[in-house]
Amino acid sequence: MFKHRRVNVVGTSASGKSTFARRLAGRLGVPLIELDALHWGPNWTEVPDQLMRQRVRAATAGDAWVVDGNYAAVREVTWARVELVVWLDYSLPTILRRYLVRTLRRVGRREELWSGNRERLAEHLFSRDSLLLWILTTYRRRRREYPRLLASRPDIAVTRLRSPAEADRWLAAIRPA
């Protein structure tokens, strides 16, 4: 039986957090909270940290949820109530492959993300705000940071999944309490 009712799914951008979190929330029958949806306004404007914290506090006020994302600005809010952190700690080649597939799909289908925003290929490749650049500059840092951050919170259970296949097996074994 799966006993955790408040879960935070974390990992590098494009690791599959949103898909994994959606599947987990569905298996548990609890709300999914997407931090990106609370963070991004129209035209890719970022909401101020104070507003983001207010939004996250309100979204996580319930007894059960799955949070998708790992914004440092709201970590203390999320982790104040979380019972389990699931860390998708995949290899960089896996993340880059997922990034490429996801980006091409989103751009090709003109998928609307949050607040009416859509990704554009030029922004991914030729911008200082490039998600590819973000992935490359944060990947190693996250792999150093997360063990330290999680070790500092012995009150939070941790599951570290190192491959999509391991994540699929873990999800398949979930039986809600």
N, C-alpha and C. Protein backbone atom coordinates (compact mmCIF):
# COMPACT_ATOMS: atom_id res chain seq x y z
N MET A 1 0.82 -1.19 0.00
CA MET A 1 0.00 0.00 0.00
C MET A 1 0.87 1.25 0.00
N PHE A 2 0.50 2.20 -0.79
CA PHE A 2 1.22 3.47 -0.89
C PHE A 2 0.61 4.42 0.14
N LYS A 3 1.40 4.86 1.09
CA LYS A 3 0.86 5.63 2.22
C LYS A 3 0.99 7.15 2.06
N HIS A 4 1.80 7.61 1.12
CA HIS A 4 2.05 9.05 1.00
C HIS A 4 0.91 9.75 0.26
N ARG A 5 0.49 10.89 0.81
CA ARG A 5 -0.62 11.65 0.21
C ARG A 5 -0.16 13.00 -0.34
N ARG A 6 1.07 13.41 -0.01
CA ARG A 6 1.61 14.68 -0.51
C ARG A 6 3.00 14.41 -1.06
N VAL A 7 3.11 14.51 -2.38
CA VAL A 7 4.33 14.11 -3.10
C VAL A 7 4.81 15.26 -3.98
N ASN A 8 6.13 15.43 -4.02
CA ASN A 8 6.75 16.42 -4.92
C ASN A 8 7.67 15.66 -5.88
N VAL A 9 7.42 15.82 -7.18
CA VAL A 9 8.25 15.21 -8.22
C VAL A 9 9.24 16.26 -8.70
N VAL A 10 10.54 15.96 -8.57
CA VAL A 10 11.59 16.91 -8.93
C VAL A 10 12.53 16.26 -9.94
N GLY A 11 13.33 17.11 -10.60
CA GLY A 11 14.32 16.64 -11.56
C GLY A 11 14.68 17.75 -12.52
N THR A 12 15.67 17.49 -13.34
CA THR A 12 16.11 18.47 -14.33
C THR A 12 14.99 18.72 -15.34
N SER A 13 14.96 19.92 -15.90
CA SER A 13 13.99 20.25 -16.95
C SER A 13 14.06 19.18 -18.03
N ALA A 14 12.89 18.78 -18.53
CA ALA A 14 12.73 17.78 -19.60
C ALA A 14 13.00 16.35 -19.14
N SER A 15 13.08 16.14 -17.84
CA SER A 15 13.28 14.77 -17.36
C SER A 15 11.99 13.96 -17.39
N GLY A 16 10.86 14.64 -17.56
CA GLY A 16 9.59 13.94 -17.59
C GLY A 16 8.77 14.11 -16.33
N LYS A 17 9.10 15.16 -15.56
CA LYS A 17 8.38 15.40 -14.29
C LYS A 17 6.88 15.52 -14.49
N SER A 18 6.47 16.30 -15.47
CA SER A 18 5.03 16.55 -15.65
C SER A 18 4.28 15.28 -16.01
N THR A 19 4.82 14.51 -16.91
CA THR A 19 4.18 13.25 -17.31
C THR A 19 4.13 12.28 -16.13
N PHE A 20 5.25 12.14 -15.44
CA PHE A 20 5.32 11.24 -14.29
C PHE A 20 4.35 11.69 -13.20
N ALA A 21 4.37 13.00 -12.88
CA ALA A 21 3.50 13.52 -11.82
C ALA A 21 2.03 13.34 -12.18
N ARG A 22 1.68 13.58 -13.44
CA ARG A 22 0.29 13.39 -13.88
C ARG A 22 -0.13 11.93 -13.69
N ARG A 23 0.74 11.01 -14.09
CA ARG A 23 0.42 9.59 -13.93
C ARG A 23 0.29 9.20 -12.45
N LEU A 24 1.19 9.72 -11.62
CA LEU A 24 1.14 9.42 -10.19
C LEU A 24 -0.13 10.00 -9.55
N ALA A 25 -0.44 11.23 -9.87
CA ALA A 25 -1.66 11.84 -9.32
C ALA A 25 -2.89 11.05 -9.75
N GLY A 26 -2.91 10.58 -10.99
CA GLY A 26 -4.02 9.76 -11.47
C GLY A 26 -4.14 8.46 -10.71
N ARG A 27 -3.00 7.81 -10.47
CA ARG A 27 -3.03 6.54 -9.73
C ARG A 27 -3.51 6.75 -8.30
N LEU A 28 -3.12 7.88 -7.70
CA LEU A 28 -3.49 8.16 -6.32
C LEU A 28 -4.86 8.81 -6.19
N GLY A 29 -5.38 9.34 -7.30
CA GLY A 29 -6.67 10.03 -7.25
C GLY A 29 -6.59 11.34 -6.49
N VAL A 30 -5.48 12.06 -6.65
CA VAL A 30 -5.29 13.33 -5.95
C VAL A 30 -5.02 14.43 -6.98
N PRO A 31 -5.18 15.70 -6.58
CA PRO A 31 -4.92 16.80 -7.52
C PRO A 31 -3.45 16.88 -7.93
N LEU A 32 -3.24 17.32 -9.15
CA LEU A 32 -1.91 17.60 -9.68
C LEU A 32 -1.70 19.11 -9.62
N ILE A 33 -0.57 19.53 -9.08
CA ILE A 33 -0.22 20.94 -9.00
C ILE A 33 1.03 21.15 -9.85
N GLU A 34 0.88 21.88 -10.95
CA GLU A 34 2.01 22.18 -11.83
C GLU A 34 2.61 23.51 -11.44
N LEU A 35 3.83 23.50 -10.94
CA LEU A 35 4.47 24.75 -10.55
C LEU A 35 4.68 25.68 -11.74
N ASP A 36 4.93 25.12 -12.92
CA ASP A 36 5.09 25.98 -14.11
C ASP A 36 3.82 26.79 -14.36
N ALA A 37 2.67 26.19 -14.16
CA ALA A 37 1.40 26.89 -14.38
C ALA A 37 1.22 28.04 -13.39
N LEU A 38 1.78 27.89 -12.19
CA LEU A 38 1.68 28.94 -11.18
C LEU A 38 2.76 30.01 -11.38
N HIS A 39 3.80 29.67 -12.10
CA HIS A 39 4.96 30.55 -12.29
C HIS A 39 4.89 31.43 -13.52
N TRP A 40 4.36 30.89 -14.63
CA TRP A 40 4.40 31.62 -15.90
C TRP A 40 3.11 32.36 -16.17
N GLY A 41 3.26 33.65 -16.46
CA GLY A 41 2.14 34.47 -16.90
C GLY A 41 2.16 34.58 -18.42
N PRO A 42 1.25 35.35 -18.99
CA PRO A 42 1.22 35.56 -20.44
C PRO A 42 2.56 36.11 -20.96
N ASN A 43 2.87 35.75 -22.19
CA ASN A 43 4.11 36.21 -22.84
C ASN A 43 5.36 35.81 -22.07
N TRP A 44 5.30 34.65 -21.43
CA TRP A 44 6.44 34.10 -20.69
C TRP A 44 6.95 35.04 -19.61
N THR A 45 6.04 35.77 -18.98
CA THR A 45 6.45 36.62 -17.87
C THR A 45 6.41 35.79 -16.59
N GLU A 46 7.44 35.95 -15.79
CA GLU A 46 7.52 35.23 -14.52
C GLU A 46 6.80 36.03 -13.44
N VAL A 47 6.02 35.35 -12.62
CA VAL A 47 5.36 36.05 -11.53
C VAL A 47 6.41 36.30 -10.43
N PRO A 48 6.22 37.37 -9.65
CA PRO A 48 7.16 37.63 -8.55
C PRO A 48 7.16 36.47 -7.55
N ASP A 49 8.30 36.26 -6.90
CA ASP A 49 8.45 35.14 -5.96
C ASP A 49 7.39 35.17 -4.86
N GLN A 50 7.06 36.34 -4.35
CA GLN A 50 6.05 36.44 -3.28
C GLN A 50 4.70 35.92 -3.76
N LEU A 51 4.30 36.30 -4.96
CA LEU A 51 3.03 35.81 -5.53
C LEU A 51 3.11 34.31 -5.78
N MET A 52 4.23 33.85 -6.25
CA MET A 52 4.42 32.40 -6.49
C MET A 52 4.25 31.63 -5.17
N ARG A 53 4.87 32.12 -4.10
CA ARG A 53 4.73 31.46 -2.80
C ARG A 53 3.27 31.45 -2.33
N GLN A 54 2.55 32.55 -2.53
CA GLN A 54 1.13 32.60 -2.16
C GLN A 54 0.34 31.57 -2.95
N ARG A 55 0.59 31.49 -4.24
CA ARG A 55 -0.12 30.53 -5.09
C ARG A 55 0.17 29.09 -4.66
N VAL A 56 1.42 28.81 -4.34
CA VAL A 56 1.78 27.45 -3.94
C VAL A 56 1.19 27.11 -2.57
N ARG A 57 1.21 28.06 -1.65
CA ARG A 57 0.58 27.82 -0.33
C ARG A 57 -0.90 27.45 -0.50
N ALA A 58 -1.60 28.21 -1.34
CA ALA A 58 -3.02 27.95 -1.57
C ALA A 58 -3.22 26.59 -2.25
N ALA A 59 -2.40 26.29 -3.23
CA ALA A 59 -2.55 25.03 -3.98
C ALA A 59 -2.24 23.81 -3.13
N THR A 60 -1.32 23.95 -2.16
CA THR A 60 -0.92 22.80 -1.34
C THR A 60 -1.61 22.78 0.02
N ALA A 61 -2.66 23.55 0.18
CA ALA A 61 -3.37 23.60 1.46
C ALA A 61 -4.17 22.32 1.71
N GLY A 62 -4.47 21.57 0.66
CA GLY A 62 -5.26 20.35 0.81
C GLY A 62 -4.49 19.22 1.47
N ASP A 63 -5.21 18.15 1.76
CA ASP A 63 -4.61 17.00 2.45
C ASP A 63 -3.82 16.09 1.53
N ALA A 64 -4.08 16.17 0.22
CA ALA A 64 -3.43 15.23 -0.71
C ALA A 64 -3.19 15.92 -2.04
N TRP A 65 -2.00 15.72 -2.62
CA TRP A 65 -1.65 16.31 -3.90
C TRP A 65 -0.33 15.74 -4.40
N VAL A 66 -0.08 15.98 -5.68
CA VAL A 66 1.23 15.72 -6.27
C VAL A 66 1.68 17.03 -6.90
N VAL A 67 2.83 17.53 -6.47
CA VAL A 67 3.41 18.75 -7.02
C VAL A 67 4.45 18.36 -8.06
N ASP A 68 4.32 18.98 -9.23
CA ASP A 68 5.25 18.78 -10.34
C ASP A 68 6.16 19.99 -10.43
N GLY A 69 7.42 19.83 -10.05
CA GLY A 69 8.37 20.92 -10.22
C GLY A 69 9.25 21.16 -9.02
N ASN A 70 10.29 21.96 -9.26
CA ASN A 70 11.28 22.21 -8.23
C ASN A 70 11.85 23.63 -8.27
N TYR A 71 10.98 24.60 -8.08
CA TYR A 71 11.42 25.99 -8.01
C TYR A 71 12.01 26.24 -6.62
N ALA A 72 13.25 26.70 -6.57
CA ALA A 72 13.89 26.98 -5.28
C ALA A 72 13.11 28.02 -4.48
N ALA A 73 12.50 28.98 -5.16
CA ALA A 73 11.78 30.06 -4.48
C ALA A 73 10.59 29.56 -3.66
N VAL A 74 10.08 28.38 -3.97
CA VAL A 74 8.92 27.86 -3.23
C VAL A 74 9.21 26.52 -2.56
N ARG A 75 10.46 26.11 -2.57
CA ARG A 75 10.80 24.81 -1.98
C ARG A 75 10.37 24.73 -0.52
N GLU A 76 10.63 25.77 0.26
CA GLU A 76 10.28 25.70 1.69
C GLU A 76 8.77 25.59 1.88
N VAL A 77 8.00 26.16 0.98
CA VAL A 77 6.54 26.07 1.07
C VAL A 77 6.10 24.63 0.76
N THR A 78 6.59 24.11 -0.33
CA THR A 78 6.21 22.75 -0.75
C THR A 78 6.71 21.72 0.25
N TRP A 79 7.97 21.81 0.62
CA TRP A 79 8.57 20.81 1.49
C TRP A 79 8.10 20.92 2.94
N ALA A 80 7.44 22.00 3.30
CA ALA A 80 6.90 22.11 4.66
C ALA A 80 5.80 21.08 4.89
N ARG A 81 5.14 20.64 3.81
CA ARG A 81 4.02 19.70 3.95
C ARG A 81 4.22 18.38 3.22
N VAL A 82 5.25 18.29 2.40
CA VAL A 82 5.45 17.10 1.58
C VAL A 82 5.82 15.89 2.45
N GLU A 83 5.39 14.72 2.00
CA GLU A 83 5.75 13.48 2.69
C GLU A 83 6.81 12.70 1.91
N LEU A 84 6.77 12.85 0.60
CA LEU A 84 7.69 12.10 -0.26
C LEU A 84 8.17 13.00 -1.40
N VAL A 85 9.46 12.97 -1.66
CA VAL A 85 10.03 13.60 -2.85
C VAL A 85 10.47 12.47 -3.78
N VAL A 86 9.97 12.52 -5.01
CA VAL A 86 10.41 11.57 -6.04
C VAL A 86 11.35 12.35 -6.96
N TRP A 87 12.60 11.90 -7.00
CA TRP A 87 13.62 12.58 -7.80
C TRP A 87 13.87 11.77 -9.07
N LEU A 88 13.52 12.36 -10.21
CA LEU A 88 13.82 11.73 -11.50
C LEU A 88 15.25 12.13 -11.86
N ASP A 89 16.18 11.26 -11.56
CA ASP A 89 17.61 11.52 -11.73
C ASP A 89 18.15 10.73 -12.92
N TYR A 90 17.75 11.15 -14.09
CA TYR A 90 18.11 10.44 -15.32
C TYR A 90 19.44 10.95 -15.87
N SER A 91 20.03 10.17 -16.75
CA SER A 91 21.29 10.56 -17.39
C SER A 91 21.06 11.76 -18.30
N LEU A 92 22.12 12.52 -18.53
CA LEU A 92 22.01 13.68 -19.41
C LEU A 92 21.60 13.28 -20.84
N PRO A 93 22.14 12.22 -21.43
CA PRO A 93 21.66 11.83 -22.76
C PRO A 93 20.15 11.52 -22.79
N THR A 94 19.64 10.89 -21.75
CA THR A 94 18.20 10.61 -21.67
C THR A 94 17.41 11.91 -21.63
N ILE A 95 17.84 12.85 -20.83
CA ILE A 95 17.14 14.13 -20.71
C ILE A 95 17.20 14.89 -22.03
N LEU A 96 18.36 14.91 -22.67
CA LEU A 96 18.50 15.63 -23.94
C LEU A 96 17.62 15.02 -25.03
N ARG A 97 17.52 13.71 -25.04
CA ARG A 97 16.65 13.03 -26.00
C ARG A 97 15.19 13.40 -25.74
N ARG A 98 14.79 13.40 -24.48
CA ARG A 98 13.42 13.77 -24.12
C ARG A 98 13.15 15.24 -24.45
N TYR A 99 14.13 16.08 -24.20
CA TYR A 99 14.00 17.50 -24.53
C TYR A 99 13.75 17.68 -26.03
N LEU A 100 14.53 17.01 -26.85
CA LEU A 100 14.40 17.15 -28.30
C LEU A 100 13.02 16.69 -28.77
N VAL A 101 12.58 15.53 -28.32
CA VAL A 101 11.28 14.99 -28.74
C VAL A 101 10.16 15.91 -28.27
N ARG A 102 10.22 16.33 -27.01
CA ARG A 102 9.17 17.19 -26.44
C ARG A 102 9.11 18.53 -27.16
N THR A 103 10.27 19.13 -27.38
CA THR A 103 10.31 20.44 -28.02
C THR A 103 9.79 20.38 -29.44
N LEU A 104 10.23 19.40 -30.20
CA LEU A 104 9.75 19.27 -31.58
C LEU A 104 8.25 19.03 -31.62
N ARG A 105 7.73 18.23 -30.70
CA ARG A 105 6.28 17.99 -30.63
C ARG A 105 5.53 19.27 -30.30
N ARG A 106 5.97 19.97 -29.26
CA ARG A 106 5.29 21.19 -28.83
C ARG A 106 5.32 22.26 -29.91
N VAL A 107 6.48 22.43 -30.54
CA VAL A 107 6.60 23.45 -31.58
C VAL A 107 5.78 23.04 -32.80
N GLY A 108 5.90 21.79 -33.22
CA GLY A 108 5.18 21.32 -34.40
C GLY A 108 3.68 21.37 -34.26
N ARG A 109 3.18 21.05 -33.08
CA ARG A 109 1.73 21.06 -32.84
C ARG A 109 1.23 22.41 -32.30
N ARG A 110 2.15 23.32 -32.07
CA ARG A 110 1.82 24.63 -31.49
C ARG A 110 1.01 24.45 -30.19
N GLU A 111 1.50 23.54 -29.36
CA GLU A 111 0.81 23.25 -28.10
C GLU A 111 0.81 24.47 -27.18
N GLU A 112 -0.34 24.75 -26.64
CA GLU A 112 -0.43 25.82 -25.64
C GLU A 112 -0.01 25.25 -24.30
N LEU A 113 0.87 25.97 -23.63
CA LEU A 113 1.34 25.53 -22.32
C LEU A 113 0.59 26.29 -21.24
N TRP A 114 1.22 27.19 -20.54
CA TRP A 114 0.58 27.90 -19.44
C TRP A 114 0.33 29.34 -19.85
N SER A 115 -0.82 29.85 -19.48
CA SER A 115 -1.19 31.25 -19.73
C SER A 115 -1.12 31.62 -21.21
N GLY A 116 -1.43 30.67 -22.06
CA GLY A 116 -1.44 30.93 -23.49
C GLY A 116 -0.07 30.89 -24.15
N ASN A 117 0.96 30.54 -23.43
CA ASN A 117 2.32 30.51 -23.98
C ASN A 117 2.54 29.29 -24.86
N ARG A 118 3.34 29.50 -25.89
CA ARG A 118 3.75 28.42 -26.79
C ARG A 118 5.25 28.51 -26.97
N GLU A 119 5.88 27.35 -27.13
CA GLU A 119 7.32 27.34 -27.38
C GLU A 119 7.61 27.63 -28.84
N ARG A 120 8.74 28.28 -29.08
CA ARG A 120 9.21 28.54 -30.44
C ARG A 120 10.63 28.01 -30.56
N LEU A 121 10.91 27.38 -31.67
CA LEU A 121 12.22 26.76 -31.86
C LEU A 121 13.35 27.77 -31.73
N ALA A 122 13.18 28.96 -32.26
CA ALA A 122 14.24 29.98 -32.18
C ALA A 122 14.61 30.30 -30.73
N GLU A 123 13.61 30.30 -29.85
CA GLU A 123 13.88 30.57 -28.44
C GLU A 123 14.66 29.44 -27.79
N HIS A 124 14.48 28.24 -28.29
CA HIS A 124 15.20 27.10 -27.73
C HIS A 124 16.65 27.07 -28.17
N LEU A 125 16.92 27.58 -29.34
CA LEU A 125 18.27 27.44 -29.89
C LEU A 125 19.09 28.72 -29.88
N PHE A 126 18.45 29.87 -30.01
CA PHE A 126 19.20 31.10 -30.25
C PHE A 126 18.97 32.18 -29.20
N SER A 127 18.63 31.81 -28.00
CA SER A 127 18.29 32.77 -26.98
C SER A 127 19.12 32.54 -25.72
N ARG A 128 19.36 33.62 -24.99
CA ARG A 128 20.02 33.46 -23.68
C ARG A 128 19.11 32.73 -22.71
N ASP A 129 17.81 32.75 -22.98
CA ASP A 129 16.83 32.07 -22.13
C ASP A 129 16.52 30.66 -22.64
N SER A 130 17.36 30.13 -23.47
CA SER A 130 17.17 28.81 -24.07
C SER A 130 17.01 27.73 -23.01
N LEU A 131 15.98 26.90 -23.16
CA LEU A 131 15.79 25.78 -22.25
C LEU A 131 16.94 24.79 -22.38
N LEU A 132 17.45 24.61 -23.58
CA LEU A 132 18.60 23.72 -23.77
C LEU A 132 19.79 24.22 -22.95
N LEU A 133 20.08 25.50 -23.00
CA LEU A 133 21.17 26.07 -22.22
C LEU A 133 20.91 25.89 -20.72
N TRP A 134 19.66 26.09 -20.31
CA TRP A 134 19.28 25.91 -18.90
C TRP A 134 19.55 24.46 -18.46
N ILE A 135 19.16 23.51 -19.27
CA ILE A 135 19.39 22.09 -18.94
C ILE A 135 20.88 21.83 -18.79
N LEU A 136 21.65 22.30 -19.75
CA LEU A 136 23.10 22.04 -19.73
C LEU A 136 23.79 22.71 -18.55
N THR A 137 23.29 23.86 -18.13
CA THR A 137 23.95 24.57 -17.02
C THR A 137 23.44 24.16 -15.64
N THR A 138 22.30 23.50 -15.57
CA THR A 138 21.76 23.12 -14.25
C THR A 138 21.87 21.63 -13.95
N TYR A 139 22.11 20.81 -14.95
CA TYR A 139 22.08 19.35 -14.76
C TYR A 139 23.05 18.90 -13.66
N ARG A 140 24.31 19.23 -13.78
CA ARG A 140 25.30 18.78 -12.80
C ARG A 140 25.06 19.41 -11.42
N ARG A 141 24.65 20.68 -11.44
CA ARG A 141 24.38 21.35 -10.17
C ARG A 141 23.26 20.65 -9.41
N ARG A 142 22.20 20.28 -10.10
CA ARG A 142 21.09 19.58 -9.43
C ARG A 142 21.56 18.23 -8.87
N ARG A 143 22.40 17.56 -9.61
CA ARG A 143 22.88 16.25 -9.13
C ARG A 143 23.76 16.39 -7.89
N ARG A 144 24.40 17.54 -7.72
CA ARG A 144 25.17 17.81 -6.49
C ARG A 144 24.27 18.32 -5.38
N GLU A 145 23.29 19.17 -5.74
CA GLU A 145 22.42 19.82 -4.77
C GLU A 145 21.43 18.88 -4.10
N TYR A 146 20.77 18.06 -4.89
CA TYR A 146 19.66 17.28 -4.34
C TYR A 146 20.06 16.32 -3.22
N PRO A 147 21.16 15.60 -3.32
CA PRO A 147 21.51 14.75 -2.17
C PRO A 147 21.70 15.55 -0.88
N ARG A 148 22.32 16.73 -0.98
CA ARG A 148 22.53 17.58 0.20
C ARG A 148 21.19 18.11 0.72
N LEU A 149 20.36 18.64 -0.18
CA LEU A 149 19.06 19.18 0.24
C LEU A 149 18.20 18.11 0.88
N LEU A 150 18.14 16.95 0.27
CA LEU A 150 17.29 15.88 0.78
C LEU A 150 17.83 15.30 2.09
N ALA A 151 19.15 15.23 2.22
CA ALA A 151 19.75 14.75 3.47
C ALA A 151 19.47 15.71 4.62
N SER A 152 19.29 16.98 4.30
CA SER A 152 19.00 17.97 5.35
C SER A 152 17.56 17.87 5.86
N ARG A 153 16.75 17.06 5.21
CA ARG A 153 15.34 16.90 5.59
C ARG A 153 15.02 15.42 5.85
N PRO A 154 15.51 14.87 6.95
CA PRO A 154 15.25 13.45 7.23
C PRO A 154 13.77 13.13 7.47
N ASP A 155 12.95 14.16 7.65
CA ASP A 155 11.51 13.97 7.85
C ASP A 155 10.77 13.69 6.54
N ILE A 156 11.46 13.84 5.41
CA ILE A 156 10.84 13.63 4.10
C ILE A 156 11.39 12.33 3.50
N ALA A 157 10.49 11.45 3.11
CA ALA A 157 10.90 10.22 2.42
C ALA A 157 11.36 10.59 1.01
N VAL A 158 12.30 9.83 0.47
CA VAL A 158 12.84 10.11 -0.85
C VAL A 158 12.88 8.84 -1.68
N THR A 159 12.45 8.98 -2.93
CA THR A 159 12.62 7.91 -3.92
C THR A 159 13.39 8.51 -5.07
N ARG A 160 14.54 7.92 -5.38
CA ARG A 160 15.40 8.39 -6.47
C ARG A 160 15.32 7.38 -7.60
N LEU A 161 14.78 7.83 -8.73
CA LEU A 161 14.60 6.95 -9.88
C LEU A 161 15.60 7.35 -10.95
N ARG A 162 16.38 6.39 -11.44
CA ARG A 162 17.52 6.71 -12.31
C ARG A 162 17.30 6.42 -13.79
N SER A 163 16.12 5.95 -14.14
CA SER A 163 15.83 5.71 -15.56
C SER A 163 14.32 5.72 -15.77
N PRO A 164 13.89 6.00 -16.99
CA PRO A 164 12.45 5.93 -17.27
C PRO A 164 11.88 4.54 -17.01
N ALA A 165 12.64 3.50 -17.29
CA ALA A 165 12.15 2.14 -17.04
C ALA A 165 11.95 1.91 -15.54
N GLU A 166 12.88 2.38 -14.72
CA GLU A 166 12.73 2.26 -13.27
C GLU A 166 11.52 3.05 -12.79
N ALA A 167 11.31 4.23 -13.37
CA ALA A 167 10.14 5.05 -13.01
C ALA A 167 8.84 4.34 -13.38
N ASP A 168 8.80 3.73 -14.55
CA ASP A 168 7.60 3.00 -14.97
C ASP A 168 7.31 1.84 -14.03
N ARG A 169 8.35 1.10 -13.64
CA ARG A 169 8.16 -0.03 -12.71
C ARG A 169 7.65 0.47 -11.35
N TRP A 170 8.23 1.58 -10.89
CA TRP A 170 7.83 2.14 -9.60
C TRP A 170 6.36 2.56 -9.64
N LEU A 171 5.97 3.26 -10.70
CA LEU A 171 4.57 3.68 -10.83
C LEU A 171 3.62 2.50 -10.92
N ALA A 172 4.02 1.47 -11.65
CA ALA A 172 3.16 0.30 -11.82
C ALA A 172 2.90 -0.40 -10.48
N ALA A 173 3.83 -0.25 -9.55
CA ALA A 173 3.69 -0.91 -8.25
C ALA A 173 2.84 -0.11 -7.26
N ILE A 174 2.47 1.12 -7.61
CA ILE A 174 1.71 1.97 -6.69
C ILE A 174 0.29 1.43 -6.53
N ARG A 175 -0.08 1.18 -5.31
CA ARG A 175 -1.44 0.79 -4.94
C ARG A 175 -1.90 1.76 -3.88
N PRO A 176 -2.84 2.65 -4.21
CA PRO A 176 -3.28 3.64 -3.21
C PRO A 176 -3.78 3.00 -1.93
N ALA A 177 -3.55 3.67 -0.82
CA ALA A 177 -4.00 3.15 0.49
C ALA A 177 -5.51 3.24 0.58
